[in-house]
PDB file of N, CA and C in Angstrom:
ATOM      1  N   MET A   1      -8.312  17.272 -24.379  1.00  0.00           N
ATOM      2  CA  MET A   1      -9.192  16.231 -24.815  1.00  0.00           C
ATOM      3  C   MET A   1      -8.657  14.861 -24.615  1.00  0.00           C
ATOM      4  N   GLU A   2      -7.256  14.755 -24.898  1.00  0.00           N
ATOM      5  CA  GLU A   2      -6.622  13.482 -24.754  1.00  0.00           C
ATOM      6  C   GLU A   2      -6.573  13.026 -23.283  1.00  0.00           C
ATOM      7  N   ASP A   3      -6.446  13.952 -22.398  1.00  0.00           N
ATOM      8  CA  ASP A   3      -6.398  13.642 -20.995  1.00  0.00           C
ATOM      9  C   ASP A   3      -7.747  13.061 -20.537  1.00  0.00           C
ATOM     10  N   PHE A   4      -8.806  13.607 -21.023  1.00  0.00           N
ATOM     11  CA  PHE A   4     -10.136  13.172 -20.734  1.00  0.00           C
ATOM     12  C   PHE A   4     -10.347  11.699 -21.262  1.00  0.00           C
ATOM     13  N   LEU A   5      -9.892  11.440 -22.460  1.00  0.00           N
ATOM     14  CA  LEU A   5     -10.073  10.122 -23.050  1.00  0.00           C
ATOM     15  C   LEU A   5      -9.243   9.151 -22.278  1.00  0.00           C
ATOM     16  N   THR A   6      -8.043   9.544 -21.890  1.00  0.00           N
ATOM     17  CA  THR A   6      -7.212   8.661 -21.055  1.00  0.00           C
ATOM     18  C   THR A   6      -7.866   8.312 -19.782  1.00  0.00           C
ATOM     19  N   PHE A   7      -8.447   9.267 -19.133  1.00  0.00           N
ATOM     20  CA  PHE A   7      -9.177   9.031 -17.847  1.00  0.00           C
ATOM     21  C   PHE A   7     -10.330   8.143 -18.096  1.00  0.00           C
ATOM     22  N   ILE A   8     -11.099   8.320 -19.103  1.00  0.00           N
ATOM     23  CA  ILE A   8     -12.264   7.496 -19.401  1.00  0.00           C
ATOM     24  C   ILE A   8     -11.827   6.042 -19.679  1.00  0.00           C
ATOM     25  N   ALA A   9     -10.717   5.928 -20.476  1.00  0.00           N
ATOM     26  CA  ALA A   9     -10.297   4.581 -20.783  1.00  0.00           C
ATOM     27  C   ALA A   9      -9.758   3.848 -19.486  1.00  0.00           C
ATOM     28  N   PHE A  10      -9.039   4.554 -18.657  1.00  0.00           N
ATOM     29  CA  PHE A  10      -8.589   3.999 -17.399  1.00  0.00           C
ATOM     30  C   PHE A  10      -9.746   3.489 -16.578  1.00  0.00           C
ATOM     31  N   CYS A  11     -10.771   4.341 -16.416  1.00  0.00           N
ATOM     32  CA  CYS A  11     -11.911   4.006 -15.627  1.00  0.00           C
ATOM     33  C   CYS A  11     -12.642   2.804 -16.226  1.00  0.00           C
ATOM     34  N   ALA A  12     -12.726   2.741 -17.572  1.00  0.00           N
ATOM     35  CA  ALA A  12     -13.343   1.598 -18.233  1.00  0.00           C
ATOM     36  C   ALA A  12     -12.576   0.311 -17.965  1.00  0.00           C
ATOM     37  N   VAL A  13     -11.263   0.373 -17.928  1.00  0.00           N
ATOM     38  CA  VAL A  13     -10.390  -0.816 -17.754  1.00  0.00           C
ATOM     39  C   VAL A  13     -10.601  -1.287 -16.280  1.00  0.00           C
ATOM     40  N   VAL A  14     -10.597  -0.326 -15.351  1.00  0.00           N
ATOM     41  CA  VAL A  14     -10.807  -0.733 -13.952  1.00  0.00           C
ATOM     42  C   VAL A  14     -12.199  -1.342 -13.677  1.00  0.00           C
ATOM     43  N   PHE A  15     -13.180  -0.745 -14.322  1.00  0.00           N
ATOM     44  CA  PHE A  15     -14.527  -1.330 -14.162  1.00  0.00           C
ATOM     45  C   PHE A  15     -14.582  -2.738 -14.809  1.00  0.00           C
ATOM     46  N   GLY A  16     -13.959  -2.859 -15.976  1.00  0.00           N
ATOM     47  CA  GLY A  16     -13.958  -4.183 -16.631  1.00  0.00           C
ATOM     48  C   GLY A  16     -13.262  -5.261 -15.789  1.00  0.00           C
ATOM     49  N   ILE A  17     -12.196  -4.893 -15.163  1.00  0.00           N
ATOM     50  CA  ILE A  17     -11.503  -5.874 -14.313  1.00  0.00           C
ATOM     51  C   ILE A  17     -12.337  -6.297 -13.134  1.00  0.00           C
ATOM     52  N   PHE A  18     -12.919  -5.271 -12.463  1.00  0.00           N
ATOM     53  CA  PHE A  18     -13.858  -5.616 -11.334  1.00  0.00           C
ATOM     54  C   PHE A  18     -14.988  -6.418 -11.793  1.00  0.00           C
ATOM     55  N   TYR A  19     -15.613  -6.076 -12.886  1.00  0.00           N
ATOM     56  CA  TYR A  19     -16.759  -6.776 -13.424  1.00  0.00           C
ATOM     57  C   TYR A  19     -16.497  -8.199 -13.749  1.00  0.00           C
ATOM     58  N   LEU A  20     -15.373  -8.443 -14.405  1.00  0.00           N
ATOM     59  CA  LEU A  20     -14.966  -9.805 -14.713  1.00  0.00           C
ATOM     60  C   LEU A  20     -14.664 -10.587 -13.475  1.00  0.00           C
ATOM     61  N   HIS A  21     -13.970 -10.017 -12.520  1.00  0.00           N
ATOM     62  CA  HIS A  21     -13.696 -10.672 -11.310  1.00  0.00           C
ATOM     63  C   HIS A  21     -14.927 -11.143 -10.512  1.00  0.00           C
ATOM     64  N   TYR A  22     -15.856 -10.212 -10.347  1.00  0.00           N
ATOM     65  CA  TYR A  22     -17.063 -10.554  -9.548  1.00  0.00           C
ATOM     66  C   TYR A  22     -18.046 -11.441 -10.358  1.00  0.00           C
ATOM     67  N   SER A  23     -18.163 -11.273 -11.598  1.00  0.00           N
ATOM     68  CA  SER A  23     -19.067 -12.137 -12.352  1.00  0.00           C
ATOM     69  C   SER A  23     -18.465 -13.563 -12.455  1.00  0.00           C
ATOM     70  N   THR A  24     -17.192 -13.676 -12.629  1.00  0.00           N
ATOM     71  CA  THR A  24     -16.624 -15.015 -12.663  1.00  0.00           C
ATOM     72  C   THR A  24     -16.739 -15.687 -11.289  1.00  0.00           C
ATOM     73  N   ARG A  25     -16.528 -14.981 -10.243  1.00  0.00           N
ATOM     74  CA  ARG A  25     -16.583 -15.544  -8.891  1.00  0.00           C
ATOM     75  C   ARG A  25     -18.048 -15.961  -8.630  1.00  0.00           C
ATOM     76  N   ASN A  26     -19.025 -15.182  -9.074  1.00  0.00           N
ATOM     77  CA  ASN A  26     -20.403 -15.512  -8.845  1.00  0.00           C
ATOM     78  C   ASN A  26     -20.727 -16.832  -9.631  1.00  0.00           C
ATOM     79  N   LYS A  27     -20.255 -16.884 -10.882  1.00  0.00           N
ATOM     80  CA  LYS A  27     -20.587 -18.104 -11.712  1.00  0.00           C
ATOM     81  C   LYS A  27     -19.952 -19.334 -11.057  1.00  0.00           C
ATOM     82  N   GLU A  28     -18.758 -19.215 -10.578  1.00  0.00           N
ATOM     83  CA  GLU A  28     -18.085 -20.358  -9.922  1.00  0.00           C
ATOM     84  C   GLU A  28     -18.887 -20.806  -8.647  1.00  0.00           C
ATOM     85  N   ARG A  29     -19.254 -19.859  -7.906  1.00  0.00           N
ATOM     86  CA  ARG A  29     -20.063 -20.230  -6.666  1.00  0.00           C
ATOM     87  C   ARG A  29     -21.444 -20.808  -7.040  1.00  0.00           C
ATOM     88  N   MET A  30     -22.069 -20.268  -7.988  1.00  0.00           N
ATOM     89  CA  MET A  30     -23.332 -20.877  -8.427  1.00  0.00           C
ATOM     90  C   MET A  30     -23.177 -22.258  -8.938  1.00  0.00           C
ATOM     91  N   ALA A  31     -22.113 -22.551  -9.673  1.00  0.00           N
ATOM     92  CA  ALA A  31     -21.883 -23.890 -10.179  1.00  0.00           C
ATOM     93  C   ALA A  31     -21.614 -24.849  -9.008  1.00  0.00           C
ATOM     94  N   LEU A  32     -20.861 -24.361  -7.997  1.00  0.00           N
ATOM     95  CA  LEU A  32     -20.595 -25.239  -6.822  1.00  0.00           C
ATOM     96  C   LEU A  32     -21.925 -25.525  -6.019  1.00  0.00           C
ATOM     97  N   ILE A  33     -22.755 -24.486  -5.937  1.00  0.00           N
ATOM     98  CA  ILE A  33     -23.987 -24.677  -5.217  1.00  0.00           C
ATOM     99  C   ILE A  33     -24.882 -25.650  -5.937  1.00  0.00           C
ATOM    100  N   GLU A  34     -24.902 -25.524  -7.304  1.00  0.00           N
ATOM    101  CA  GLU A  34     -25.753 -26.501  -8.071  1.00  0.00           C
ATOM    102  C   GLU A  34     -25.283 -27.899  -7.917  1.00  0.00           C
ATOM    103  N   LYS A  35     -24.000 -28.078  -7.684  1.00  0.00           N
ATOM    104  CA  LYS A  35     -23.478 -29.413  -7.537  1.00  0.00           C
ATOM    105  C   LYS A  35     -23.695 -29.947  -6.092  1.00  0.00           C
ATOM    106  N   GLY A  36     -24.176 -29.076  -5.260  1.00  0.00           N
ATOM    107  CA  GLY A  36     -24.457 -29.498  -3.868  1.00  0.00           C
ATOM    108  C   GLY A  36     -23.325 -29.275  -2.873  1.00  0.00           C
ATOM    109  N   ALA A  37     -22.363 -28.439  -3.177  1.00  0.00           N
ATOM    110  CA  ALA A  37     -21.255 -28.172  -2.296  1.00  0.00           C
ATOM    111  C   ALA A  37     -21.770 -27.371  -1.118  1.00  0.00           C
ATOM    112  N   ASP A  38     -21.052 -27.533   0.005  1.00  0.00           N
ATOM    113  CA  ASP A  38     -21.375 -26.832   1.193  1.00  0.00           C
ATOM    114  C   ASP A  38     -21.029 -25.307   1.106  1.00  0.00           C
ATOM    115  N   ALA A  39     -21.894 -24.460   1.587  1.00  0.00           N
ATOM    116  CA  ALA A  39     -21.614 -23.004   1.451  1.00  0.00           C
ATOM    117  C   ALA A  39     -20.444 -22.542   2.349  1.00  0.00           C
ATOM    118  N   SER A  40     -20.000 -23.376   3.292  1.00  0.00           N
ATOM    119  CA  SER A  40     -18.983 -22.927   4.207  1.00  0.00           C
ATOM    120  C   SER A  40     -17.640 -22.801   3.449  1.00  0.00           C
ATOM    121  N   ILE A  41     -17.512 -23.372   2.255  1.00  0.00           N
ATOM    122  CA  ILE A  41     -16.208 -23.289   1.588  1.00  0.00           C
ATOM    123  C   ILE A  41     -15.921 -21.876   1.111  1.00  0.00           C
ATOM    124  N   PHE A  42     -16.944 -21.017   1.087  1.00  0.00           N
ATOM    125  CA  PHE A  42     -16.714 -19.644   0.611  1.00  0.00           C
ATOM    126  C   PHE A  42     -16.174 -18.789   1.662  1.00  0.00           C
ATOM    127  N   PHE A  43     -16.106 -19.267   2.922  1.00  0.00           N
ATOM    128  CA  PHE A  43     -15.661 -18.492   4.060  1.00  0.00           C
ATOM    129  C   PHE A  43     -14.296 -18.936   4.549  1.00  0.00           C
ATOM    130  N   SER A  44     -13.480 -18.058   5.045  1.00  0.00           N
ATOM    131  CA  SER A  44     -12.173 -18.385   5.528  1.00  0.00           C
ATOM    132  C   SER A  44     -12.297 -19.139   6.817  1.00  0.00           C
ATOM    133  N   LYS A  45     -11.455 -20.100   7.046  1.00  0.00           N
ATOM    134  CA  LYS A  45     -11.417 -21.000   8.320  1.00  0.00           C
ATOM    135  C   LYS A  45     -10.318 -20.587   9.167  1.00  0.00           C
ATOM    136  N   LYS A  46      -9.700 -19.444   8.950  1.00  0.00           N
ATOM    137  CA  LYS A  46      -8.537 -19.008   9.744  1.00  0.00           C
ATOM    138  C   LYS A  46      -9.096 -18.552  11.113  1.00  0.00           C
ATOM    139  N   PRO A  47      -8.448 -18.840  12.165  1.00  0.00           N
ATOM    140  CA  PRO A  47      -8.824 -18.358  13.460  1.00  0.00           C
ATOM    141  C   PRO A  47      -8.748 -16.818  13.479  1.00  0.00           C
ATOM    142  N   GLU A  48      -9.752 -16.165  14.042  1.00  0.00           N
ATOM    143  CA  GLU A  48      -9.753 -14.728  14.105  1.00  0.00           C
ATOM    144  C   GLU A  48      -8.708 -14.217  15.102  1.00  0.00           C
ATOM    145  N   ARG A  49      -7.865 -13.371  14.649  1.00  0.00           N
ATOM    146  CA  ARG A  49      -6.871 -12.726  15.532  1.00  0.00           C
ATOM    147  C   ARG A  49      -7.395 -11.338  15.851  1.00  0.00           C
ATOM    148  N   LYS A  50      -6.946 -10.905  17.086  1.00  0.00           N
ATOM    149  CA  LYS A  50      -7.364  -9.561  17.455  1.00  0.00           C
ATOM    150  C   LYS A  50      -6.378  -8.624  16.818  1.00  0.00           C
ATOM    151  N   ALA A  51      -6.811  -7.819  15.811  1.00  0.00           N
ATOM    152  CA  ALA A  51      -5.916  -6.967  15.072  1.00  0.00           C
ATOM    153  C   ALA A  51      -5.854  -5.575  15.805  1.00  0.00           C
ATOM    154  N   ALA A  52      -4.748  -4.902  15.561  1.00  0.00           N
ATOM    155  CA  ALA A  52      -4.573  -3.571  16.103  1.00  0.00           C
ATOM    156  C   ALA A  52      -5.545  -2.583  15.331  1.00  0.00           C
ATOM    157  N   PRO A  53      -6.003  -1.594  16.031  1.00  0.00           N
ATOM    158  CA  PRO A  53      -6.892  -0.689  15.343  1.00  0.00           C
ATOM    159  C   PRO A  53      -6.163  -0.010  14.179  1.00  0.00           C
ATOM    160  N   ILE A  54      -6.921   0.264  13.112  1.00  0.00           N
ATOM    161  CA  ILE A  54      -6.352   0.806  11.920  1.00  0.00           C
ATOM    162  C   ILE A  54      -5.736   2.211  12.110  1.00  0.00           C
ATOM    163  N   TRP A  55      -6.300   2.925  13.027  1.00  0.00           N
ATOM    164  CA  TRP A  55      -5.769   4.317  13.275  1.00  0.00           C
ATOM    165  C   TRP A  55      -4.389   4.254  13.867  1.00  0.00           C
ATOM    166  N   LYS A  56      -4.072   3.225  14.711  1.00  0.00           N
ATOM    167  CA  LYS A  56      -2.801   3.143  15.289  1.00  0.00           C
ATOM    168  C   LYS A  56      -1.720   2.870  14.226  1.00  0.00           C
ATOM    169  N   ILE A  57      -2.097   1.909  13.341  1.00  0.00           N
ATOM    170  CA  ILE A  57      -1.229   1.590  12.200  1.00  0.00           C
ATOM    171  C   ILE A  57      -0.944   2.722  11.298  1.00  0.00           C
ATOM    172  N   LEU A  58      -2.031   3.447  10.961  1.00  0.00           N
ATOM    173  CA  LEU A  58      -1.969   4.591  10.040  1.00  0.00           C
ATOM    174  C   LEU A  58      -1.062   5.761  10.692  1.00  0.00           C
ATOM    175  N   ILE A  59      -1.311   6.002  11.890  1.00  0.00           N
ATOM    176  CA  ILE A  59      -0.537   7.074  12.595  1.00  0.00           C
ATOM    177  C   ILE A  59       0.985   6.711  12.647  1.00  0.00           C
ATOM    178  N   LEU A  60       1.194   5.476  13.032  1.00  0.00           N
ATOM    179  CA  LEU A  60       2.550   5.018  13.154  1.00  0.00           C
ATOM    180  C   LEU A  60       3.310   5.101  11.788  1.00  0.00           C
ATOM    181  N   ASN A  61       2.664   4.635  10.710  1.00  0.00           N
ATOM    182  CA  ASN A  61       3.358   4.685   9.390  1.00  0.00           C
ATOM    183  C   ASN A  61       3.502   6.052   8.909  1.00  0.00           C
ATOM    184  N   VAL A  62       2.488   6.883   9.078  1.00  0.00           N
ATOM    185  CA  VAL A  62       2.630   8.333   8.610  1.00  0.00           C
ATOM    186  C   VAL A  62       3.719   9.079   9.429  1.00  0.00           C
ATOM    187  N   ALA A  63       3.738   8.836  10.686  1.00  0.00           N
ATOM    188  CA  ALA A  63       4.766   9.474  11.562  1.00  0.00           C
ATOM    189  C   ALA A  63       6.182   9.056  11.133  1.00  0.00           C
ATOM    190  N   VAL A  64       6.397   7.760  10.888  1.00  0.00           N
ATOM    191  CA  VAL A  64       7.728   7.312  10.517  1.00  0.00           C
ATOM    192  C   VAL A  64       8.063   7.783   9.092  1.00  0.00           C
ATOM    193  N   LEU A  65       7.067   7.872   8.245  1.00  0.00           N
ATOM    194  CA  LEU A  65       7.328   8.396   6.866  1.00  0.00           C
ATOM    195  C   LEU A  65       7.686   9.876   6.864  1.00  0.00           C
ATOM    196  N   MET A  66       6.978  10.657   7.710  1.00  0.00           N
ATOM    197  CA  MET A  66       7.298  12.100   7.827  1.00  0.00           C
ATOM    198  C   MET A  66       8.708  12.315   8.401  1.00  0.00           C
ATOM    199  N   MET A  67       9.055  11.527   9.354  1.00  0.00           N
ATOM    200  CA  MET A  67      10.413  11.627   9.939  1.00  0.00           C
ATOM    201  C   MET A  67      11.456  11.230   8.910  1.00  0.00           C
ATOM    202  N   GLY A  68      11.153  10.225   8.092  1.00  0.00           N
ATOM    203  CA  GLY A  68      12.066   9.853   6.970  1.00  0.00           C
ATOM    204  C   GLY A  68      12.201  10.948   5.944  1.00  0.00           C
ATOM    205  N   ILE A  69      11.094  11.559   5.544  1.00  0.00           N
ATOM    206  CA  ILE A  69      11.172  12.645   4.593  1.00  0.00           C
ATOM    207  C   ILE A  69      12.011  13.840   5.165  1.00  0.00           C
ATOM    208  N   GLY A  70      11.723  14.177   6.428  1.00  0.00           N
ATOM    209  CA  GLY A  70      12.507  15.245   7.071  1.00  0.00           C
ATOM    210  C   GLY A  70      14.040  14.904   7.137  1.00  0.00           C
ATOM    211  N   THR A  71      14.313  13.664   7.469  1.00  0.00           N
ATOM    212  CA  THR A  71      15.682  13.269   7.471  1.00  0.00           C
ATOM    213  C   THR A  71      16.298  13.295   5.994  1.00  0.00           C
ATOM    214  N   GLY A  72      15.497  12.958   5.100  1.00  0.00           N
ATOM    215  CA  GLY A  72      15.971  13.022   3.703  1.00  0.00           C
ATOM    216  C   GLY A  72      16.270  14.425   3.260  1.00  0.00           C
ATOM    217  N   VAL A  73      15.436  15.325   3.592  1.00  0.00           N
ATOM    218  CA  VAL A  73      15.695  16.780   3.237  1.00  0.00           C
ATOM    219  C   VAL A  73      16.998  17.292   3.910  1.00  0.00           C
ATOM    220  N   PHE A  74      17.077  16.917   5.210  1.00  0.00           N
ATOM    221  CA  PHE A  74      18.325  17.291   5.993  1.00  0.00           C
ATOM    222  C   PHE A  74      19.553  16.662   5.303  1.00  0.00           C
ATOM    223  N   LEU A  75      19.532  15.374   4.986  1.00  0.00           N
ATOM    224  CA  LEU A  75      20.646  14.755   4.342  1.00  0.00           C
ATOM    225  C   LEU A  75      21.006  15.440   2.981  1.00  0.00           C
ATOM    226  N   ALA A  76      19.932  15.766   2.216  1.00  0.00           N
ATOM    227  CA  ALA A  76      20.163  16.385   0.924  1.00  0.00           C
ATOM    228  C   ALA A  76      20.782  17.760   1.042  1.00  0.00           C
ATOM    229  N   SER A  77      20.326  18.512   2.050  1.00  0.00           N
ATOM    230  CA  SER A  77      20.931  19.827   2.336  1.00  0.00           C
ATOM    231  C   SER A  77      22.387  19.700   2.670  1.00  0.00           C
ATOM    232  N   PHE A  78      22.656  18.641   3.491  1.00  0.00           N
ATOM    233  CA  PHE A  78      24.036  18.411   3.908  1.00  0.00           C
ATOM    234  C   PHE A  78      24.898  18.069   2.626  1.00  0.00           C
ATOM    235  N   LEU A  79      24.391  17.119   1.821  1.00  0.00           N
ATOM    236  CA  LEU A  79      25.132  16.761   0.658  1.00  0.00           C
ATOM    237  C   LEU A  79      25.318  17.883  -0.331  1.00  0.00           C
ATOM    238  N   HIS A  80      24.344  18.739  -0.496  1.00  0.00           N
ATOM    239  CA  HIS A  80      24.454  19.903  -1.382  1.00  0.00           C
ATOM    240  C   HIS A  80      25.419  20.953  -0.884  1.00  0.00           C
ATOM    241  N   ILE A  81      25.315  21.265   0.397  1.00  0.00           N
ATOM    242  CA  ILE A  81      26.161  22.360   0.900  1.00  0.00           C
ATOM    243  C   ILE A  81      27.581  21.875   1.182  1.00  0.00           C
ATOM    244  N   SER A  82      27.713  20.770   1.840  1.00  0.00           N
ATOM    245  CA  SER A  82      29.077  20.310   2.298  1.00  0.00           C
ATOM    246  C   SER A  82      29.871  19.640   1.171  1.00  0.00           C
ATOM    247  N   LEU A  83      29.205  18.766   0.419  1.00  0.00           N
ATOM    248  CA  LEU A  83      29.966  18.047  -0.640  1.00  0.00           C
ATOM    249  C   LEU A  83      29.839  18.618  -2.003  1.00  0.00           C
ATOM    250  N   GLY A  84      28.958  19.593  -2.173  1.00  0.00           N
ATOM    251  CA  GLY A  84      28.870  20.259  -3.464  1.00  0.00           C
ATOM    252  C   GLY A  84      28.123  19.419  -4.525  1.00  0.00           C
ATOM    253  N   LEU A  85      27.299  18.505  -4.043  1.00  0.00           N
ATOM    254  CA  LEU A  85      26.519  17.675  -4.960  1.00  0.00           C
ATOM    255  C   LEU A  85      25.380  18.500  -5.557  1.00  0.00           C
ATOM    256  N   ASP A  86      25.059  18.226  -6.842  1.00  0.00           N
ATOM    257  CA  ASP A  86      24.011  19.037  -7.460  1.00  0.00           C
ATOM    258  C   ASP A  86      22.733  18.896  -6.709  1.00  0.00           C
ATOM    259  N   GLU A  87      22.032  20.044  -6.589  1.00  0.00           N
ATOM    260  CA  GLU A  87      20.760  20.079  -5.857  1.00  0.00           C
ATOM    261  C   GLU A  87      19.709  19.213  -6.586  1.00  0.00           C
ATOM    262  N   GLU A  88      19.701  19.165  -7.908  1.00  0.00           N
ATOM    263  CA  GLU A  88      18.661  18.354  -8.600  1.00  0.00           C
ATOM    264  C   GLU A  88      18.869  16.834  -8.352  1.00  0.00           C
ATOM    265  N   VAL A  89      20.087  16.450  -7.953  1.00  0.00           N
ATOM    266  CA  VAL A  89      20.360  15.087  -7.711  1.00  0.00           C
ATOM    267  C   VAL A  89      20.154  14.761  -6.249  1.00  0.00           C
ATOM    268  N   ALA A  90      20.644  15.660  -5.353  1.00  0.00           N
ATOM    269  CA  ALA A  90      20.741  15.376  -3.930  1.00  0.00           C
ATOM    270  C   ALA A  90      19.355  15.231  -3.302  1.00  0.00           C
ATOM    271  N   TYR A  91      18.488  16.165  -3.600  1.00  0.00           N
ATOM    272  CA  TYR A  91      17.156  16.253  -2.966  1.00  0.00           C
ATOM    273  C   TYR A  91      16.242  15.049  -3.323  1.00  0.00           C
ATOM    274  N   PRO A  92      16.005  14.837  -4.585  1.00  0.00           N
ATOM    275  CA  PRO A  92      15.094  13.692  -4.912  1.00  0.00           C
ATOM    276  C   PRO A  92      15.710  12.384  -4.450  1.00  0.00           C
ATOM    277  N   GLY A  93      16.981  12.191  -4.728  1.00  0.00           N
ATOM    278  CA  GLY A  93      17.605  10.901  -4.391  1.00  0.00           C
ATOM    279  C   GLY A  93      17.542  10.610  -2.893  1.00  0.00           C
ATOM    280  N   SER A  94      17.977  11.529  -2.079  1.00  0.00           N
ATOM    281  CA  SER A  94      18.019  11.287  -0.691  1.00  0.00           C
ATOM    282  C   SER A  94      16.666  11.245  -0.057  1.00  0.00           C
ATOM    283  N   ILE A  95      15.694  12.020  -0.517  1.00  0.00           N
ATOM    284  CA  ILE A  95      14.356  11.986   0.007  1.00  0.00           C
ATOM    285  C   ILE A  95      13.694  10.620  -0.301  1.00  0.00           C
ATOM    286  N   PHE A  96      13.782  10.173  -1.505  1.00  0.00           N
ATOM    287  CA  PHE A  96      13.177   8.848  -1.853  1.00  0.00           C
ATOM    288  C   PHE A  96      13.876   7.737  -1.168  1.00  0.00           C
ATOM    289  N   LEU A  97      15.246   7.770  -1.001  1.00  0.00           N
ATOM    290  CA  LEU A  97      15.923   6.719  -0.403  1.00  0.00           C
ATOM    291  C   LEU A  97      15.546   6.595   1.168  1.00  0.00           C
ATOM    292  N   VAL A  98      15.595   7.738   1.795  1.00  0.00           N
ATOM    293  CA  VAL A  98      15.243   7.754   3.216  1.00  0.00           C
ATOM    294  C   VAL A  98      13.803   7.506   3.507  1.00  0.00           C
ATOM    295  N   ALA A  99      12.878   7.974   2.622  1.00  0.00           N
ATOM    296  CA  ALA A  99      11.492   7.699   2.760  1.00  0.00           C
ATOM    297  C   ALA A  99      11.230   6.188   2.605  1.00  0.00           C
ATOM    298  N   GLY A 100      11.909   5.599   1.672  1.00  0.00           N
ATOM    299  CA  GLY A 100      11.761   4.151   1.480  1.00  0.00           C
ATOM    300  C   GLY A 100      12.205   3.339   2.659  1.00  0.00           C
ATOM    301  N   ILE A 101      13.339   3.772   3.223  1.00  0.00           N
ATOM    302  CA  ILE A 101      13.856   3.161   4.437  1.00  0.00           C
ATOM    303  C   ILE A 101      12.886   3.290   5.619  1.00  0.00           C
ATOM    304  N   ALA A 102      12.318   4.529   5.686  1.00  0.00           N
ATOM    305  CA  ALA A 102      11.325   4.822   6.756  1.00  0.00           C
ATOM    306  C   ALA A 102      10.015   3.976   6.549  1.00  0.00           C
ATOM    307  N   LEU A 103       9.542   3.719   5.362  1.00  0.00           N
ATOM    308  CA  LEU A 103       8.430   2.894   5.150  1.00  0.00           C
ATOM    309  C   LEU A 103       8.759   1.468   5.572  1.00  0.00           C
ATOM    310  N   TYR A 104       9.906   0.987   5.300  1.00  0.00           N
ATOM    311  CA  TYR A 104      10.292  -0.321   5.695  1.00  0.00           C
ATOM    312  C   TYR A 104      10.370  -0.458   7.268  1.00  0.00           C
ATOM    313  N   ILE A 105      10.880   0.563   7.905  1.00  0.00           N
ATOM    314  CA  ILE A 105      10.909   0.562   9.375  1.00  0.00           C
ATOM    315  C   ILE A 105       9.476   0.629   9.913  1.00  0.00           C
ATOM    316  N   GLY A 106       8.603   1.415   9.338  1.00  0.00           N
ATOM    317  CA  GLY A 106       7.224   1.459   9.701  1.00  0.00           C
ATOM    318  C   GLY A 106       6.511   0.112   9.552  1.00  0.00           C
ATOM    319  N   PHE A 107       6.876  -0.593   8.486  1.00  0.00           N
ATOM    320  CA  PHE A 107       6.329  -1.982   8.283  1.00  0.00           C
ATOM    321  C   PHE A 107       6.725  -2.881   9.435  1.00  0.00           C
ATOM    322  N   ILE A 108       8.065  -2.835   9.818  1.00  0.00           N
ATOM    323  CA  ILE A 108       8.544  -3.663  10.882  1.00  0.00           C
ATOM    324  C   ILE A 108       7.812  -3.338  12.166  1.00  0.00           C
ATOM    325  N   LEU A 109       7.738  -2.037  12.442  1.00  0.00           N
ATOM    326  CA  LEU A 109       7.090  -1.616  13.706  1.00  0.00           C
ATOM    327  C   LEU A 109       5.603  -2.005  13.773  1.00  0.00           C
ATOM    328  N   THR A 110       4.957  -1.893  12.577  1.00  0.00           N
ATOM    329  CA  THR A 110       3.554  -2.330  12.504  1.00  0.00           C
ATOM    330  C   THR A 110       3.401  -3.810  12.802  1.00  0.00           C
ATOM    331  N   LYS A 111       4.257  -4.580  12.235  1.00  0.00           N
ATOM    332  CA  LYS A 111       4.250  -6.034  12.389  1.00  0.00           C
ATOM    333  C   LYS A 111       4.456  -6.332  13.941  1.00  0.00           C
ATOM    334  N   LYS A 112       5.384  -5.645  14.538  1.00  0.00           N
ATOM    335  CA  LYS A 112       5.606  -5.892  15.975  1.00  0.00           C
ATOM    336  C   LYS A 112       4.381  -5.479  16.814  1.00  0.00           C
ATOM    337  N   LEU A 113       3.741  -4.405  16.428  1.00  0.00           N
ATOM    338  CA  LEU A 113       2.554  -3.933  17.073  1.00  0.00           C
ATOM    339  C   LEU A 113       1.460  -4.898  16.922  1.00  0.00           C
ATOM    340  N   ILE A 114       1.200  -5.504  15.776  1.00  0.00           N
ATOM    341  CA  ILE A 114       0.167  -6.506  15.571  1.00  0.00           C
ATOM    342  C   ILE A 114       0.506  -7.777  16.343  1.00  0.00           C
ATOM    343  N   ASP A 115       1.802  -8.197  16.386  1.00  0.00           N
ATOM    344  CA  ASP A 115       2.094  -9.424  17.115  1.00  0.00           C
ATOM    345  C   ASP A 115       1.952  -9.228  18.566  1.00  0.00           C
ATOM    346  N   LYS A 116       2.233  -8.020  19.057  1.00  0.00           N
ATOM    347  CA  LYS A 116       2.081  -7.720  20.527  1.00  0.00           C
ATOM    348  C   LYS A 116       0.687  -7.771  21.020  1.00  0.00           C
ATOM    349  N   GLU A 117      -0.240  -7.318  20.147  1.00  0.00           N
ATOM    350  CA  GLU A 117      -1.681  -7.282  20.563  1.00  0.00           C
ATOM    351  C   GLU A 117      -2.347  -8.520  20.214  1.00  0.00           C
TER     352      GLU A 117
END
């Protein structure tokens, strides 16, 4: 029962945040329109860049993350067998460390991919 109430409370908080955000934004825009402001201020004036397709970015990041997790498991096995480090420490520590490094490398590669295109 407590899990259900926690879930309902979480959903209510998320809904409340979105509701406040959109209602406040709408009120601000209506006030600006009433004052006679130009509607173009609501749109970004940044020049449109040709972005890389989302599937390329997703596949690149997932591939690098999976390689990082595999490397982390291999490193943990090496630490456990060769150095005698506790299994409970070696596996989570090395997996999270190498997965984090892999996500950072994926970010750098994605940035290069976007800049190239």
